[in-house]
């Protein structure tokens, strides 16, 4: 199963959100339908960012601490010296 770079996805979504905000400002005179579509896209980007942030929190919580194995290794080394 391929690993997914969540930070990269989050960066892309942030850039997309910025572009959509700029487009909303640029197309204010284009009509309600176009603005509604851009606003919908912006809401979906916000939702996707929330999902990615939640996954990042879960991934960070699942990562084992790097300090614990180092301490165990130091104790093993001392016990066998």
C-alpha atoms as a PDB file:
ATOM      1  CA  UNK A   1       0.000   0.000   0.000  1.00  0.00           C
ATOM      2  CA  UNK A   2       1.573   3.317  -1.025  1.00  0.00           C
ATOM      3  CA  UNK A   3       2.161   5.906   1.652  1.00  0.00           C
ATOM      4  CA  UNK A   4       0.498   9.280   1.272  1.00  0.00           C
ATOM      5  CA  UNK A   5       2.313  12.490   2.099  1.00  0.00           C
ATOM      6  CA  UNK A   6      -0.346  14.297   4.112  1.00  0.00           C
ATOM      7  CA  UNK A   7       1.772  17.430   4.541  1.00  0.00           C
ATOM      8  CA  UNK A   8       2.066  17.726   0.769  1.00  0.00           C
ATOM      9  CA  UNK A   9      -1.686  17.318   0.359  1.00  0.00           C
ATOM     10  CA  UNK A  10      -2.287  19.960   3.007  1.00  0.00           C
ATOM     11  CA  UNK A  11       0.096  22.346   1.254  1.00  0.00           C
ATOM     12  CA  UNK A  12      -1.763  21.814  -2.030  1.00  0.00           C
ATOM     13  CA  UNK A  13      -5.136  22.420  -0.356  1.00  0.00           C
ATOM     14  CA  UNK A  14      -3.850  25.632   1.231  1.00  0.00           C
ATOM     15  CA  UNK A  15      -2.655  26.890  -2.153  1.00  0.00           C
ATOM     16  CA  UNK A  16      -5.961  25.890  -3.736  1.00  0.00           C
ATOM     17  CA  UNK A  17      -7.869  27.760  -1.036  1.00  0.00           C
ATOM     18  CA  UNK A  18      -5.788  30.869  -1.699  1.00  0.00           C
ATOM     19  CA  UNK A  19      -6.444  30.606  -5.436  1.00  0.00           C
ATOM     20  CA  UNK A  20     -10.179  30.197  -4.845  1.00  0.00           C
ATOM     21  CA  UNK A  21     -10.238  33.240  -2.565  1.00  0.00           C
ATOM     22  CA  UNK A  22      -8.504  35.268  -5.271  1.00  0.00           C
ATOM     23  CA  UNK A  23     -10.951  33.974  -7.884  1.00  0.00           C
ATOM     24  CA  UNK A  24     -13.896  34.957  -5.682  1.00  0.00           C
ATOM     25  CA  UNK A  25     -12.509  38.481  -5.509  1.00  0.00           C
ATOM     26  CA  UNK A  26     -11.827  38.614  -9.225  1.00  0.00           C
ATOM     27  CA  UNK A  27     -15.205  37.281 -10.350  1.00  0.00           C
ATOM     28  CA  UNK A  28     -17.514  39.234  -8.052  1.00  0.00           C
ATOM     29  CA  UNK A  29     -19.264  40.705 -11.106  1.00  0.00           C
ATOM     30  CA  UNK A  30     -19.663  37.415 -13.008  1.00  0.00           C
ATOM     31  CA  UNK A  31     -22.979  36.339 -11.577  1.00  0.00           C
ATOM     32  CA  UNK A  32     -24.434  34.344  -8.739  1.00  0.00           C
ATOM     33  CA  UNK A  33     -24.003  30.932 -10.381  1.00  0.00           C
ATOM     34  CA  UNK A  34     -20.243  31.285 -10.869  1.00  0.00           C
ATOM     35  CA  UNK A  35     -19.795  32.690  -7.360  1.00  0.00           C
ATOM     36  CA  UNK A  36     -21.867  29.876  -5.878  1.00  0.00           C
ATOM     37  CA  UNK A  37     -19.669  27.318  -7.644  1.00  0.00           C
ATOM     38  CA  UNK A  38     -16.479  28.954  -6.353  1.00  0.00           C
ATOM     39  CA  UNK A  39     -17.901  29.131  -2.829  1.00  0.00           C
ATOM     40  CA  UNK A  40     -18.867  25.458  -3.010  1.00  0.00           C
ATOM     41  CA  UNK A  41     -15.331  24.573  -4.100  1.00  0.00           C
ATOM     42  CA  UNK A  42     -13.910  26.616  -1.234  1.00  0.00           C
ATOM     43  CA  UNK A  43     -16.157  24.802   1.280  1.00  0.00           C
ATOM     44  CA  UNK A  44     -14.980  21.457  -0.099  1.00  0.00           C
ATOM     45  CA  UNK A  45     -11.344  22.514   0.237  1.00  0.00           C
ATOM     46  CA  UNK A  46     -12.029  23.535   3.848  1.00  0.00           C
ATOM     47  CA  UNK A  47     -13.636  20.145   4.499  1.00  0.00           C
ATOM     48  CA  UNK A  48     -10.720  18.311   2.872  1.00  0.00           C
ATOM     49  CA  UNK A  49      -8.211  20.278   4.972  1.00  0.00           C
ATOM     50  CA  UNK A  50     -10.127  19.310   8.106  1.00  0.00           C
ATOM     51  CA  UNK A  51      -9.951  15.632   7.097  1.00  0.00           C
ATOM     52  CA  UNK A  52      -6.214  15.838   6.381  1.00  0.00           C
ATOM     53  CA  UNK A  53      -5.557  17.614   9.699  1.00  0.00           C
ATOM     54  CA  UNK A  54      -7.493  14.894  11.541  1.00  0.00           C
ATOM     55  CA  UNK A  55      -5.454  12.217   9.784  1.00  0.00           C
ATOM     56  CA  UNK A  56      -2.237  14.010  10.655  1.00  0.00           C
ATOM     57  CA  UNK A  57      -3.251  14.037  14.327  1.00  0.00           C
ATOM     58  CA  UNK A  58      -3.997  10.307  14.236  1.00  0.00           C
ATOM     59  CA  UNK A  59      -0.736   9.563  12.427  1.00  0.00           C
ATOM     60  CA  UNK A  60       1.259  11.617  14.938  1.00  0.00           C
ATOM     61  CA  UNK A  61      -0.445   9.853  17.858  1.00  0.00           C
ATOM     62  CA  UNK A  62       0.384   6.439  16.384  1.00  0.00           C
ATOM     63  CA  UNK A  63       4.083   7.203  15.924  1.00  0.00           C
ATOM     64  CA  UNK A  64       6.173   5.708  18.694  1.00  0.00           C
ATOM     65  CA  UNK A  65       8.366   8.048  20.629  1.00  0.00           C
ATOM     66  CA  UNK A  66      11.953   8.057  19.435  1.00  0.00           C
ATOM     67  CA  UNK A  67      13.273   8.564  22.950  1.00  0.00           C
ATOM     68  CA  UNK A  68      11.886   5.363  24.456  1.00  0.00           C
ATOM     69  CA  UNK A  69      13.788   2.969  22.165  1.00  0.00           C
ATOM     70  CA  UNK A  70      17.006   4.928  22.689  1.00  0.00           C
ATOM     71  CA  UNK A  71      16.665   4.636  26.464  1.00  0.00           C
ATOM     72  CA  UNK A  72      15.960   0.917  26.199  1.00  0.00           C
ATOM     73  CA  UNK A  73      18.999   0.508  23.972  1.00  0.00           C
ATOM     74  CA  UNK A  74      21.206   2.380  26.452  1.00  0.00           C
ATOM     75  CA  UNK A  75      20.037   0.158  29.307  1.00  0.00           C
ATOM     76  CA  UNK A  76      20.645  -2.996  27.259  1.00  0.00           C
ATOM     77  CA  UNK A  77      24.129  -1.803  26.451  1.00  0.00           C
ATOM     78  CA  UNK A  78      24.857  -1.072  30.105  1.00  0.00           C
ATOM     79  CA  UNK A  79      23.527  -4.458  31.189  1.00  0.00           C
ATOM     80  CA  UNK A  80      25.800  -6.321  28.780  1.00  0.00           C
ATOM     81  CA  UNK A  81      28.947  -4.227  29.311  1.00  0.00           C
END
